[in-house]
Amino acid sequence: MIRTNHQIAYDDRDGVLVIRLSGEIDHHSAVNVRTHIDEKLLAERPARVCLDLSAIDFMDSSGLGLIMGRYSLVRRYGGNFTVIDPTPAAKKMIDLAGMERMIPIHYTHSERK
């Protein structure tokens, strides 16, 4: 696992790029997080990307924009994008936005559903 800063960790698992975010995703942090992720995505163009939200403490609408923008970027270059294990804080925002109609949401732990 490669950490670029306190909020982002990358892990390449069998050809799937897992991006694990932690802490708070708000208007203060979203720009920095987006910049780091986009650099990685554009340099490597992984076929499959999983955005792991299992360590998110807080997320506002800036987090929704972050997710949608990375989804769009990955889809533009022909990749697949999935969100995995959103915390209740992240899931609440995802549900309010109706994002699960567009982006697949998967859980690796059945107790989180």
PDB file of N, CA and C in Angstrom:
ATOM      1  N   MET A   1       0.841  -1.171   0.000  1.00  0.00           N
ATOM      2  CA  MET A   1       0.000   0.000   0.000  1.00  0.00           C
ATOM      3  C   MET A   1       0.890   1.239   0.000  1.00  0.00           C
ATOM      4  N   ILE A   2       0.562   2.190  -0.833  1.00  0.00           N
ATOM      5  CA  ILE A   2       1.320   3.433  -0.942  1.00  0.00           C
ATOM      6  C   ILE A   2       0.451   4.571  -0.428  1.00  0.00           C
ATOM      7  N   ARG A   3       0.942   5.318   0.550  1.00  0.00           N
ATOM      8  CA  ARG A   3       0.226   6.478   1.077  1.00  0.00           C
ATOM      9  C   ARG A   3       0.833   7.743   0.487  1.00  0.00           C
ATOM     10  N   THR A   4      -0.028   8.620  -0.042  1.00  0.00           N
ATOM     11  CA  THR A   4       0.468   9.873  -0.591  1.00  0.00           C
ATOM     12  C   THR A   4       0.351  11.005   0.424  1.00  0.00           C
ATOM     13  N   ASN A   5      -0.598  10.912   1.287  1.00  0.00           N
ATOM     14  CA  ASN A   5      -0.744  11.858   2.393  1.00  0.00           C
ATOM     15  C   ASN A   5      -1.609  11.178   3.442  1.00  0.00           C
ATOM     16  N   HIS A   6      -2.027  11.895   4.450  1.00  0.00           N
ATOM     17  CA  HIS A   6      -2.783  11.279   5.532  1.00  0.00           C
ATOM     18  C   HIS A   6      -4.168  10.804   5.121  1.00  0.00           C
ATOM     19  N   GLN A   7      -4.676  11.207   3.989  1.00  0.00           N
ATOM     20  CA  GLN A   7      -6.042  10.896   3.597  1.00  0.00           C
ATOM     21  C   GLN A   7      -6.178   9.875   2.483  1.00  0.00           C
ATOM     22  N   ILE A   8      -5.135   9.568   1.761  1.00  0.00           N
ATOM     23  CA  ILE A   8      -5.241   8.710   0.578  1.00  0.00           C
ATOM     24  C   ILE A   8      -4.214   7.588   0.653  1.00  0.00           C
ATOM     25  N   ALA A   9      -4.675   6.381   0.395  1.00  0.00           N
ATOM     26  CA  ALA A   9      -3.768   5.242   0.273  1.00  0.00           C
ATOM     27  C   ALA A   9      -4.149   4.489  -0.990  1.00  0.00           C
ATOM     28  N   TYR A  10      -3.147   4.059  -1.750  1.00  0.00           N
ATOM     29  CA  TYR A  10      -3.375   3.310  -2.982  1.00  0.00           C
ATOM     30  C   TYR A  10      -2.889   1.880  -2.797  1.00  0.00           C
ATOM     31  N   ASP A  11      -3.644   0.950  -3.355  1.00  0.00           N
ATOM     32  CA  ASP A  11      -3.260  -0.449  -3.296  1.00  0.00           C
ATOM     33  C   ASP A  11      -3.679  -1.103  -4.615  1.00  0.00           C
ATOM     34  N   ASP A  12      -2.726  -1.695  -5.317  1.00  0.00           N
ATOM     35  CA  ASP A  12      -3.029  -2.387  -6.568  1.00  0.00           C
ATOM     36  C   ASP A  12      -3.215  -3.862  -6.237  1.00  0.00           C
ATOM     37  N   ARG A  13      -4.447  -4.331  -6.336  1.00  0.00           N
ATOM     38  CA  ARG A  13      -4.794  -5.710  -6.003  1.00  0.00           C
ATOM     39  C   ARG A  13      -5.250  -6.437  -7.265  1.00  0.00           C
ATOM     40  N   ASP A  14      -4.382  -7.269  -7.786  1.00  0.00           N
ATOM     41  CA  ASP A  14      -4.715  -8.080  -8.962  1.00  0.00           C
ATOM     42  C   ASP A  14      -5.292  -7.246 -10.099  1.00  0.00           C
ATOM     43  N   GLY A  15      -4.648  -6.134 -10.398  1.00  0.00           N
ATOM     44  CA  GLY A  15      -5.080  -5.296 -11.503  1.00  0.00           C
ATOM     45  C   GLY A  15      -6.196  -4.327 -11.175  1.00  0.00           C
ATOM     46  N   VAL A  16      -6.618  -4.288  -9.921  1.00  0.00           N
ATOM     47  CA  VAL A  16      -7.650  -3.352  -9.478  1.00  0.00           C
ATOM     48  C   VAL A  16      -6.972  -2.308  -8.600  1.00  0.00           C
ATOM     49  N   LEU A  17      -7.123  -1.049  -8.948  1.00  0.00           N
ATOM     50  CA  LEU A  17      -6.581   0.014  -8.121  1.00  0.00           C
ATOM     51  C   LEU A  17      -7.601   0.346  -7.040  1.00  0.00           C
ATOM     52  N   VAL A  18      -7.227   0.094  -5.793  1.00  0.00           N
ATOM     53  CA  VAL A  18      -8.074   0.442  -4.657  1.00  0.00           C
ATOM     54  C   VAL A  18      -7.544   1.742  -4.074  1.00  0.00           C
ATOM     55  N   ILE A  19      -8.428   2.727  -3.997  1.00  0.00           N
ATOM     56  CA  ILE A  19      -8.082   4.024  -3.430  1.00  0.00           C
ATOM     57  C   ILE A  19      -8.848   4.134  -2.116  1.00  0.00           C
ATOM     58  N   ARG A  20      -8.107   4.164  -1.009  1.00  0.00           N
ATOM     59  CA  ARG A  20      -8.748   4.228   0.300  1.00  0.00           C
ATOM     60  C   ARG A  20      -8.625   5.634   0.843  1.00  0.00           C
ATOM     61  N   LEU A  21      -9.783   6.254   1.089  1.00  0.00           N
ATOM     62  CA  LEU A  21      -9.823   7.590   1.659  1.00  0.00           C
ATOM     63  C   LEU A  21     -10.127   7.486   3.146  1.00  0.00           C
ATOM     64  N   SER A  22      -9.577   8.414   3.921  1.00  0.00           N
ATOM     65  CA  SER A  22      -9.856   8.406   5.351  1.00  0.00           C
ATOM     66  C   SER A  22     -10.038   9.827   5.852  1.00  0.00           C
ATOM     67  N   GLY A  23     -10.683   9.929   7.000  1.00  0.00           N
ATOM     68  CA  GLY A  23     -10.893  11.234   7.620  1.00  0.00           C
ATOM     69  C   GLY A  23     -12.119  11.933   7.074  1.00  0.00           C
ATOM     70  N   GLU A  24     -11.992  13.228   6.886  1.00  0.00           N
ATOM     71  CA  GLU A  24     -13.109  14.056   6.432  1.00  0.00           C
ATOM     72  C   GLU A  24     -12.901  14.486   4.981  1.00  0.00           C
ATOM     73  N   ILE A  25     -13.975  14.394   4.225  1.00  0.00           N
ATOM     74  CA  ILE A  25     -13.961  14.904   2.854  1.00  0.00           C
ATOM     75  C   ILE A  25     -14.939  16.071   2.833  1.00  0.00           C
ATOM     76  N   ASP A  26     -14.377  17.271   2.805  1.00  0.00           N
ATOM     77  CA  ASP A  26     -15.190  18.480   2.778  1.00  0.00           C
ATOM     78  C   ASP A  26     -14.558  19.472   1.810  1.00  0.00           C
ATOM     79  N   HIS A  27     -15.094  20.662   1.753  1.00  0.00           N
ATOM     80  CA  HIS A  27     -14.577  21.631   0.778  1.00  0.00           C
ATOM     81  C   HIS A  27     -13.117  21.996   1.041  1.00  0.00           C
ATOM     82  N   HIS A  28     -12.621  21.812   2.250  1.00  0.00           N
ATOM     83  CA  HIS A  28     -11.215  22.119   2.552  1.00  0.00           C
ATOM     84  C   HIS A  28     -10.265  21.057   2.009  1.00  0.00           C
ATOM     85  N   SER A  29     -10.689  19.804   2.039  1.00  0.00           N
ATOM     86  CA  SER A  29      -9.793  18.712   1.652  1.00  0.00           C
ATOM     87  C   SER A  29     -10.021  18.187   0.238  1.00  0.00           C
ATOM     88  N   ALA A  30     -11.185  18.416  -0.331  1.00  0.00           N
ATOM     89  CA  ALA A  30     -11.553  17.786  -1.606  1.00  0.00           C
ATOM     90  C   ALA A  30     -10.612  18.146  -2.758  1.00  0.00           C
ATOM     91  N   VAL A  31     -10.152  19.367  -2.830  1.00  0.00           N
ATOM     92  CA  VAL A  31      -9.289  19.785  -3.944  1.00  0.00           C
ATOM     93  C   VAL A  31      -7.972  19.017  -3.914  1.00  0.00           C
ATOM     94  N   ASN A  32      -7.353  18.928  -2.756  1.00  0.00           N
ATOM     95  CA  ASN A  32      -6.089  18.220  -2.619  1.00  0.00           C
ATOM     96  C   ASN A  32      -6.266  16.722  -2.925  1.00  0.00           C
ATOM     97  N   VAL A  33      -7.309  16.137  -2.395  1.00  0.00           N
ATOM     98  CA  VAL A  33      -7.582  14.715  -2.632  1.00  0.00           C
ATOM     99  C   VAL A  33      -7.825  14.467  -4.117  1.00  0.00           C
ATOM    100  N   ARG A  34      -8.638  15.307  -4.721  1.00  0.00           N
ATOM    101  CA  ARG A  34      -8.945  15.166  -6.151  1.00  0.00           C
ATOM    102  C   ARG A  34      -7.682  15.255  -7.000  1.00  0.00           C
ATOM    103  N   THR A  35      -6.824  16.201  -6.702  1.00  0.00           N
ATOM    104  CA  THR A  35      -5.589  16.386  -7.462  1.00  0.00           C
ATOM    105  C   THR A  35      -4.712  15.139  -7.399  1.00  0.00           C
ATOM    106  N   HIS A  36      -4.516  14.602  -6.207  1.00  0.00           N
ATOM    107  CA  HIS A  36      -3.685  13.403  -6.050  1.00  0.00           C
ATOM    108  C   HIS A  36      -4.272  12.196  -6.793  1.00  0.00           C
ATOM    109  N   ILE A  37      -5.564  12.009  -6.634  1.00  0.00           N
ATOM    110  CA  ILE A  37      -6.210  10.864  -7.288  1.00  0.00           C
ATOM    111  C   ILE A  37      -6.146  11.000  -8.799  1.00  0.00           C
ATOM    112  N   ASP A  38      -6.460  12.170  -9.315  1.00  0.00           N
ATOM    113  CA  ASP A  38      -6.448  12.361 -10.769  1.00  0.00           C
ATOM    114  C   ASP A  38      -5.063  12.132 -11.366  1.00  0.00           C
ATOM    115  N   GLU A  39      -4.026  12.587 -10.689  1.00  0.00           N
ATOM    116  CA  GLU A  39      -2.666  12.341 -11.182  1.00  0.00           C
ATOM    117  C   GLU A  39      -2.401  10.845 -11.296  1.00  0.00           C
ATOM    118  N   LYS A  40      -2.800  10.100 -10.285  1.00  0.00           N
ATOM    119  CA  LYS A  40      -2.607   8.641 -10.281  1.00  0.00           C
ATOM    120  C   LYS A  40      -3.430   7.984 -11.395  1.00  0.00           C
ATOM    121  N   LEU A  41      -4.693   8.357 -11.508  1.00  0.00           N
ATOM    122  CA  LEU A  41      -5.562   7.756 -12.516  1.00  0.00           C
ATOM    123  C   LEU A  41      -5.078   8.044 -13.934  1.00  0.00           C
ATOM    124  N   LEU A  42      -4.691   9.267 -14.204  1.00  0.00           N
ATOM    125  CA  LEU A  42      -4.264   9.627 -15.548  1.00  0.00           C
ATOM    126  C   LEU A  42      -2.902   9.036 -15.900  1.00  0.00           C
ATOM    127  N   ALA A  43      -2.051   8.848 -14.915  1.00  0.00           N
ATOM    128  CA  ALA A  43      -0.739   8.239 -15.171  1.00  0.00           C
ATOM    129  C   ALA A  43      -0.859   6.742 -15.442  1.00  0.00           C
ATOM    130  N   GLU A  44      -1.744   6.071 -14.715  1.00  0.00           N
ATOM    131  CA  GLU A  44      -1.829   4.612 -14.803  1.00  0.00           C
ATOM    132  C   GLU A  44      -3.019   4.088 -15.603  1.00  0.00           C
ATOM    133  N   ARG A  45      -4.085   4.846 -15.663  1.00  0.00           N
ATOM    134  CA  ARG A  45      -5.318   4.444 -16.350  1.00  0.00           C
ATOM    135  C   ARG A  45      -5.715   2.995 -16.040  1.00  0.00           C
ATOM    136  N   PRO A  46      -5.932   2.704 -14.760  1.00  0.00           N
ATOM    137  CA  PRO A  46      -6.297   1.333 -14.395  1.00  0.00           C
ATOM    138  C   PRO A  46      -7.675   0.957 -14.959  1.00  0.00           C
ATOM    139  N   ALA A  47      -7.810  -0.284 -15.346  1.00  0.00           N
ATOM    140  CA  ALA A  47      -9.075  -0.757 -15.923  1.00  0.00           C
ATOM    141  C   ALA A  47     -10.186  -0.807 -14.878  1.00  0.00           C
ATOM    142  N   ARG A  48      -9.821  -1.074 -13.639  1.00  0.00           N
ATOM    143  CA  ARG A  48     -10.813  -1.139 -12.561  1.00  0.00           C
ATOM    144  C   ARG A  48     -10.333  -0.303 -11.387  1.00  0.00           C
ATOM    145  N   VAL A  49     -11.240   0.516 -10.879  1.00  0.00           N
ATOM    146  CA  VAL A  49     -10.935   1.383  -9.743  1.00  0.00           C
ATOM    147  C   VAL A  49     -12.017   1.178  -8.682  1.00  0.00           C
ATOM    148  N   CYS A  50     -11.581   0.936  -7.449  1.00  0.00           N
ATOM    149  CA  CYS A  50     -12.491   0.851  -6.309  1.00  0.00           C
ATOM    150  C   CYS A  50     -12.144   1.975  -5.349  1.00  0.00           C
ATOM    151  N   LEU A  51     -13.129   2.788  -5.038  1.00  0.00           N
ATOM    152  CA  LEU A  51     -12.947   3.874  -4.082  1.00  0.00           C
ATOM    153  C   LEU A  51     -13.476   3.385  -2.738  1.00  0.00           C
ATOM    154  N   ASP A  52     -12.555   3.120  -1.814  1.00  0.00           N
ATOM    155  CA  ASP A  52     -12.884   2.568  -0.497  1.00  0.00           C
ATOM    156  C   ASP A  52     -13.172   3.717   0.462  1.00  0.00           C
ATOM    157  N   LEU A  53     -14.415   3.771   0.953  1.00  0.00           N
ATOM    158  CA  LEU A  53     -14.840   4.841   1.860  1.00  0.00           C
ATOM    159  C   LEU A  53     -15.058   4.319   3.277  1.00  0.00           C
ATOM    160  N   SER A  54     -14.417   3.219   3.623  1.00  0.00           N
ATOM    161  CA  SER A  54     -14.633   2.580   4.923  1.00  0.00           C
ATOM    162  C   SER A  54     -14.025   3.337   6.100  1.00  0.00           C
ATOM    163  N   ALA A  55     -13.230   4.354   5.833  1.00  0.00           N
ATOM    164  CA  ALA A  55     -12.596   5.115   6.914  1.00  0.00           C
ATOM    165  C   ALA A  55     -12.959   6.600   6.861  1.00  0.00           C
ATOM    166  N   ILE A  56     -14.106   6.908   6.285  1.00  0.00           N
ATOM    167  CA  ILE A  56     -14.555   8.296   6.197  1.00  0.00           C
ATOM    168  C   ILE A  56     -15.360   8.651   7.448  1.00  0.00           C
ATOM    169  N   ASP A  57     -14.925   9.708   8.135  1.00  0.00           N
ATOM    170  CA  ASP A  57     -15.621  10.166   9.339  1.00  0.00           C
ATOM    171  C   ASP A  57     -16.744  11.149   9.014  1.00  0.00           C
ATOM    172  N   PHE A  58     -16.531  11.950   7.976  1.00  0.00           N
ATOM    173  CA  PHE A  58     -17.488  12.979   7.597  1.00  0.00           C
ATOM    174  C   PHE A  58     -17.359  13.223   6.106  1.00  0.00           C
ATOM    175  N   MET A  59     -18.493  13.459   5.453  1.00  0.00           N
ATOM    176  CA  MET A  59     -18.470  13.793   4.032  1.00  0.00           C
ATOM    177  C   MET A  59     -19.622  14.740   3.751  1.00  0.00           C
ATOM    178  N   ASP A  60     -19.328  15.840   3.065  1.00  0.00           N
ATOM    179  CA  ASP A  60     -20.379  16.756   2.640  1.00  0.00           C
ATOM    180  C   ASP A  60     -20.533  16.676   1.125  1.00  0.00           C
ATOM    181  N   SER A  61     -21.203  17.649   0.542  1.00  0.00           N
ATOM    182  CA  SER A  61     -21.453  17.605  -0.902  1.00  0.00           C
ATOM    183  C   SER A  61     -20.158  17.653  -1.714  1.00  0.00           C
ATOM    184  N   SER A  62     -19.085  18.174  -1.141  1.00  0.00           N
ATOM    185  CA  SER A  62     -17.794  18.159  -1.842  1.00  0.00           C
ATOM    186  C   SER A  62     -17.324  16.729  -2.066  1.00  0.00           C
ATOM    187  N   GLY A  63     -17.637  15.848  -1.133  1.00  0.00           N
ATOM    188  CA  GLY A  63     -17.311  14.433  -1.289  1.00  0.00           C
ATOM    189  C   GLY A  63     -18.094  13.801  -2.422  1.00  0.00           C
ATOM    190  N   LEU A  64     -19.345  14.206  -2.573  1.00  0.00           N
ATOM    191  CA  LEU A  64     -20.144  13.704  -3.699  1.00  0.00           C
ATOM    192  C   LEU A  64     -19.528  14.137  -5.024  1.00  0.00           C
ATOM    193  N   GLY A  65     -19.111  15.391  -5.082  1.00  0.00           N
ATOM    194  CA  GLY A  65     -18.455  15.885  -6.294  1.00  0.00           C
ATOM    195  C   GLY A  65     -17.160  15.148  -6.576  1.00  0.00           C
ATOM    196  N   LEU A  66     -16.422  14.847  -5.524  1.00  0.00           N
ATOM    197  CA  LEU A  66     -15.183  14.091  -5.670  1.00  0.00           C
ATOM    198  C   LEU A  66     -15.458  12.713  -6.263  1.00  0.00           C
ATOM    199  N   ILE A  67     -16.462  12.035  -5.747  1.00  0.00           N
ATOM    200  CA  ILE A  67     -16.810  10.698  -6.243  1.00  0.00           C
ATOM    201  C   ILE A  67     -17.275  10.773  -7.697  1.00  0.00           C
ATOM    202  N   MET A  68     -18.196  11.678  -7.984  1.00  0.00           N
ATOM    203  CA  MET A  68     -18.744  11.780  -9.341  1.00  0.00           C
ATOM    204  C   MET A  68     -17.661  12.148 -10.359  1.00  0.00           C
ATOM    205  N   GLY A  69     -16.776  13.036  -9.993  1.00  0.00           N
ATOM    206  CA  GLY A  69     -15.707  13.438 -10.907  1.00  0.00           C
ATOM    207  C   GLY A  69     -14.752  12.299 -11.219  1.00  0.00           C
ATOM    208  N   ARG A  70     -14.403  11.508 -10.199  1.00  0.00           N
ATOM    209  CA  ARG A  70     -13.500  10.372 -10.438  1.00  0.00           C
ATOM    210  C   ARG A  70     -14.223   9.293 -11.237  1.00  0.00           C
ATOM    211  N   TYR A  71     -15.500   9.086 -10.969  1.00  0.00           N
ATOM    212  CA  TYR A  71     -16.298   8.151 -11.756  1.00  0.00           C
ATOM    213  C   TYR A  71     -16.286   8.567 -13.230  1.00  0.00           C
ATOM    214  N   SER A  72     -16.536   9.837 -13.491  1.00  0.00           N
ATOM    215  CA  SER A  72     -16.560  10.340 -14.867  1.00  0.00           C
ATOM    216  C   SER A  72     -15.204  10.194 -15.546  1.00  0.00           C
ATOM    217  N   LEU A  73     -14.142  10.508 -14.840  1.00  0.00           N
ATOM    218  CA  LEU A  73     -12.797  10.396 -15.398  1.00  0.00           C
ATOM    219  C   LEU A  73     -12.477   8.947 -15.779  1.00  0.00           C
ATOM    220  N   VAL A  74     -12.737   8.037 -14.882  1.00  0.00           N
ATOM    221  CA  VAL A  74     -12.453   6.620 -15.147  1.00  0.00           C
ATOM    222  C   VAL A  74     -13.302   6.115 -16.307  1.00  0.00           C
ATOM    223  N   ARG A  75     -14.556   6.484 -16.340  1.00  0.00           N
ATOM    224  CA  ARG A  75     -15.433   6.054 -17.435  1.00  0.00           C
ATOM    225  C   ARG A  75     -14.989   6.650 -18.776  1.00  0.00           C
ATOM    226  N   ARG A  76     -14.501   7.893 -18.764  1.00  0.00           N
ATOM    227  CA  ARG A  76     -14.048   8.537 -20.006  1.00  0.00           C
ATOM    228  C   ARG A  76     -12.910   7.774 -20.648  1.00  0.00           C
ATOM    229  N   TYR A  77     -11.990   7.229 -19.858  1.00  0.00           N
ATOM    230  CA  TYR A  77     -10.903   6.475 -20.464  1.00  0.00           C
ATOM    231  C   TYR A  77     -11.210   4.982 -20.575  1.00  0.00           C
ATOM    232  N   GLY A  78     -12.453   4.591 -20.298  1.00  0.00           N
ATOM    233  CA  GLY A  78     -12.886   3.216 -20.540  1.00  0.00           C
ATOM    234  C   GLY A  78     -12.790   2.270 -19.368  1.00  0.00           C
ATOM    235  N   GLY A  79     -12.550   2.792 -18.176  1.00  0.00           N
ATOM    236  CA  GLY A  79     -12.438   1.937 -16.999  1.00  0.00           C
ATOM    237  C   GLY A  79     -13.756   1.747 -16.268  1.00  0.00           C
ATOM    238  N   ASN A  80     -13.729   0.872 -15.280  1.00  0.00           N
ATOM    239  CA  ASN A  80     -14.881   0.621 -14.412  1.00  0.00           C
ATOM    240  C   ASN A  80     -14.593   1.205 -13.036  1.00  0.00           C
ATOM    241  N   PHE A  81     -15.630   1.763 -12.400  1.00  0.00           N
ATOM    242  CA  PHE A  81     -15.479   2.450 -11.130  1.00  0.00           C
ATOM    243  C   PHE A  81     -16.536   1.954 -10.157  1.00  0.00           C
ATOM    244  N   THR A  82     -16.120   1.649  -8.933  1.00  0.00           N
ATOM    245  CA  THR A  82     -17.017   1.162  -7.896  1.00  0.00           C
ATOM    246  C   THR A  82     -16.663   1.841  -6.578  1.00  0.00           C
ATOM    247  N   VAL A  83     -17.671   2.107  -5.778  1.00  0.00           N
ATOM    248  CA  VAL A  83     -17.464   2.568  -4.406  1.00  0.00           C
ATOM    249  C   VAL A  83     -17.638   1.352  -3.506  1.00  0.00           C
ATOM    250  N   ILE A  84     -16.723   1.190  -2.544  1.00  0.00           N
ATOM    251  CA  ILE A  84     -16.846   0.061  -1.622  1.00  0.00           C
ATOM    252  C   ILE A  84     -16.878   0.535  -0.168  1.00  0.00           C
ATOM    253  N   ASP A  85     -17.668  -0.158   0.596  1.00  0.00           N
ATOM    254  CA  ASP A  85     -17.760  -0.015   2.052  1.00  0.00           C
ATOM    255  C   ASP A  85     -17.914   1.411   2.564  1.00  0.00           C
ATOM    256  N   PRO A  86     -18.886   2.174   2.048  1.00  0.00           N
ATOM    257  CA  PRO A  86     -19.052   3.521   2.601  1.00  0.00           C
ATOM    258  C   PRO A  86     -19.504   3.453   4.063  1.00  0.00           C
ATOM    259  N   THR A  87     -18.937   4.319   4.888  1.00  0.00           N
ATOM    260  CA  THR A  87     -19.367   4.419   6.283  1.00  0.00           C
ATOM    261  C   THR A  87     -20.783   4.996   6.309  1.00  0.00           C
ATOM    262  N   PRO A  88     -21.462   4.927   7.444  1.00  0.00           N
ATOM    263  CA  PRO A  88     -22.797   5.547   7.524  1.00  0.00           C
ATOM    264  C   PRO A  88     -22.792   7.023   7.124  1.00  0.00           C
ATOM    265  N   ALA A  89     -21.741   7.755   7.490  1.00  0.00           N
ATOM    266  CA  ALA A  89     -21.661   9.172   7.116  1.00  0.00           C
ATOM    267  C   ALA A  89     -21.600   9.350   5.602  1.00  0.00           C
ATOM    268  N   ALA A  90     -20.791   8.538   4.939  1.00  0.00           N
ATOM    269  CA  ALA A  90     -20.680   8.617   3.477  1.00  0.00           C
ATOM    270  C   ALA A  90     -21.944   8.080   2.818  1.00  0.00           C
ATOM    271  N   LYS A  91     -22.472   6.992   3.337  1.00  0.00           N
ATOM    272  CA  LYS A  91     -23.672   6.361   2.744  1.00  0.00           C
ATOM    273  C   LYS A  91     -24.862   7.311   2.797  1.00  0.00           C
ATOM    274  N   LYS A  92     -24.974   8.064   3.872  1.00  0.00           N
ATOM    275  CA  LYS A  92     -26.080   9.017   3.984  1.00  0.00           C
ATOM    276  C   LYS A  92     -26.053  10.017   2.831  1.00  0.00           C
ATOM    277  N   MET A  93     -24.888  10.565   2.537  1.00  0.00           N
ATOM    278  CA  MET A  93     -24.768  11.521   1.434  1.00  0.00           C
ATOM    279  C   MET A  93     -25.018  10.849   0.089  1.00  0.00           C
ATOM    280  N   ILE A  94     -24.485   9.655  -0.089  1.00  0.00           N
ATOM    281  CA  ILE A  94     -24.688   8.904  -1.333  1.00  0.00           C
ATOM    282  C   ILE A  94     -26.177   8.639  -1.556  1.00  0.00           C
ATOM    283  N   ASP A  95     -26.874   8.253  -0.487  1.00  0.00           N
ATOM    284  CA  ASP A  95     -28.307   7.983  -0.587  1.00  0.00           C
ATOM    285  C   ASP A  95     -29.094   9.248  -0.907  1.00  0.00           C
ATOM    286  N   LEU A  96     -28.762  10.337  -0.226  1.00  0.00           N
ATOM    287  CA  LEU A  96     -29.468  11.597  -0.467  1.00  0.00           C
ATOM    288  C   LEU A  96     -29.331  12.056  -1.914  1.00  0.00           C
ATOM    289  N   ALA A  97     -28.176  11.797  -2.503  1.00  0.00           N
ATOM    290  CA  ALA A  97     -27.925  12.209  -3.885  1.00  0.00           C
ATOM    291  C   ALA A  97     -28.453  11.201  -4.907  1.00  0.00           C
ATOM    292  N   GLY A  98     -28.852  10.017  -4.460  1.00  0.00           N
ATOM    293  CA  GLY A  98     -29.310   8.987  -5.395  1.00  0.00           C
ATOM    294  C   GLY A  98     -28.178   8.451  -6.254  1.00  0.00           C
ATOM    295  N   MET A  99     -26.966   8.551  -5.765  1.00  0.00           N
ATOM    296  CA  MET A  99     -25.787   8.187  -6.537  1.00  0.00           C
ATOM    297  C   MET A  99     -25.716   6.696  -6.880  1.00  0.00           C
ATOM    298  N   GLU A 100     -26.319   5.855  -6.042  1.00  0.00           N
ATOM    299  CA  GLU A 100     -26.241   4.414  -6.284  1.00  0.00           C
ATOM    300  C   GLU A 100     -26.963   3.997  -7.569  1.00  0.00           C
ATOM    301  N   ARG A 101     -27.774   4.869  -8.116  1.00  0.00           N
ATOM    302  CA  ARG A 101     -28.416   4.567  -9.407  1.00  0.00           C
ATOM    303  C   ARG A 101     -27.414   4.608 -10.555  1.00  0.00           C
ATOM    304  N   MET A 102     -26.299   5.328 -10.357  1.00  0.00           N
ATOM    305  CA  MET A 102     -25.304   5.471 -11.406  1.00  0.00           C
ATOM    306  C   MET A 102     -24.027   4.689 -11.101  1.00  0.00           C
ATOM    307  N   ILE A 103     -23.593   4.746  -9.865  1.00  0.00           N
ATOM    308  CA  ILE A 103     -22.312   4.151  -9.470  1.00  0.00           C
ATOM    309  C   ILE A 103     -22.569   2.913  -8.621  1.00  0.00           C
ATOM    310  N   PRO A 104     -21.961   1.781  -8.974  1.00  0.00           N
ATOM    311  CA  PRO A 104     -22.128   0.583  -8.140  1.00  0.00           C
ATOM    312  C   PRO A 104     -21.521   0.797  -6.749  1.00  0.00           C
ATOM    313  N   ILE A 105     -22.272   0.383  -5.731  1.00  0.00           N
ATOM    314  CA  ILE A 105     -21.827   0.439  -4.350  1.00  0.00           C
ATOM    315  C   ILE A 105     -21.750  -1.005  -3.865  1.00  0.00           C
ATOM    316  N   HIS A 106     -20.585  -1.418  -3.383  1.00  0.00           N
ATOM    317  CA  HIS A 106     -20.405  -2.790  -2.909  1.00  0.00           C
ATOM    318  C   HIS A 106     -19.932  -2.792  -1.463  1.00  0.00           C
ATOM    319  N   TYR A 107     -20.314  -3.848  -0.771  1.00  0.00           N
ATOM    320  CA  TYR A 107     -19.902  -4.024   0.620  1.00  0.00           C
ATOM    321  C   TYR A 107     -19.109  -5.313   0.739  1.00  0.00           C
ATOM    322  N   THR A 108     -17.978  -5.232   1.397  1.00  0.00           N
ATOM    323  CA  THR A 108     -17.181  -6.428   1.625  1.00  0.00           C
ATOM    324  C   THR A 108     -17.497  -7.043   2.977  1.00  0.00           C
ATOM    325  N   HIS A 109     -18.247  -6.316   3.806  1.00  0.00           N
ATOM    326  CA  HIS A 109     -18.658  -6.798   5.129  1.00  0.00           C
ATOM    327  C   HIS A 109     -20.176  -6.733   5.193  1.00  0.00           C
ATOM    328  N   SER A 110     -20.843  -7.848   5.399  1.00  0.00           N
ATOM    329  CA  SER A 110     -22.306  -7.907   5.358  1.00  0.00           C
ATOM    330  C   SER A 110     -22.957  -7.043   6.424  1.00  0.00           C
ATOM    331  N   GLU A 111     -22.304  -6.771   7.558  1.00  0.00           N
ATOM    332  CA  GLU A 111     -22.918  -5.977   8.618  1.00  0.00           C
ATOM    333  C   GLU A 111     -23.090  -4.510   8.230  1.00  0.00           C
ATOM    334  N   ARG A 112     -22.466  -4.044   7.168  1.00  0.00           N
ATOM    335  CA  ARG A 112     -22.547  -2.642   6.754  1.00  0.00           C
ATOM    336  C   ARG A 112     -23.734  -2.344   5.848  1.00  0.00           C
ATOM    337  N   LYS A 113     -24.385  -3.361   5.338  1.00  0.00           N
ATOM    338  CA  LYS A 113     -25.465  -3.135   4.359  1.00  0.00           C
ATOM    339  C   LYS A 113     -26.620  -2.365   4.919  1.00  0.00           C
TER     340      LYS A 113
END
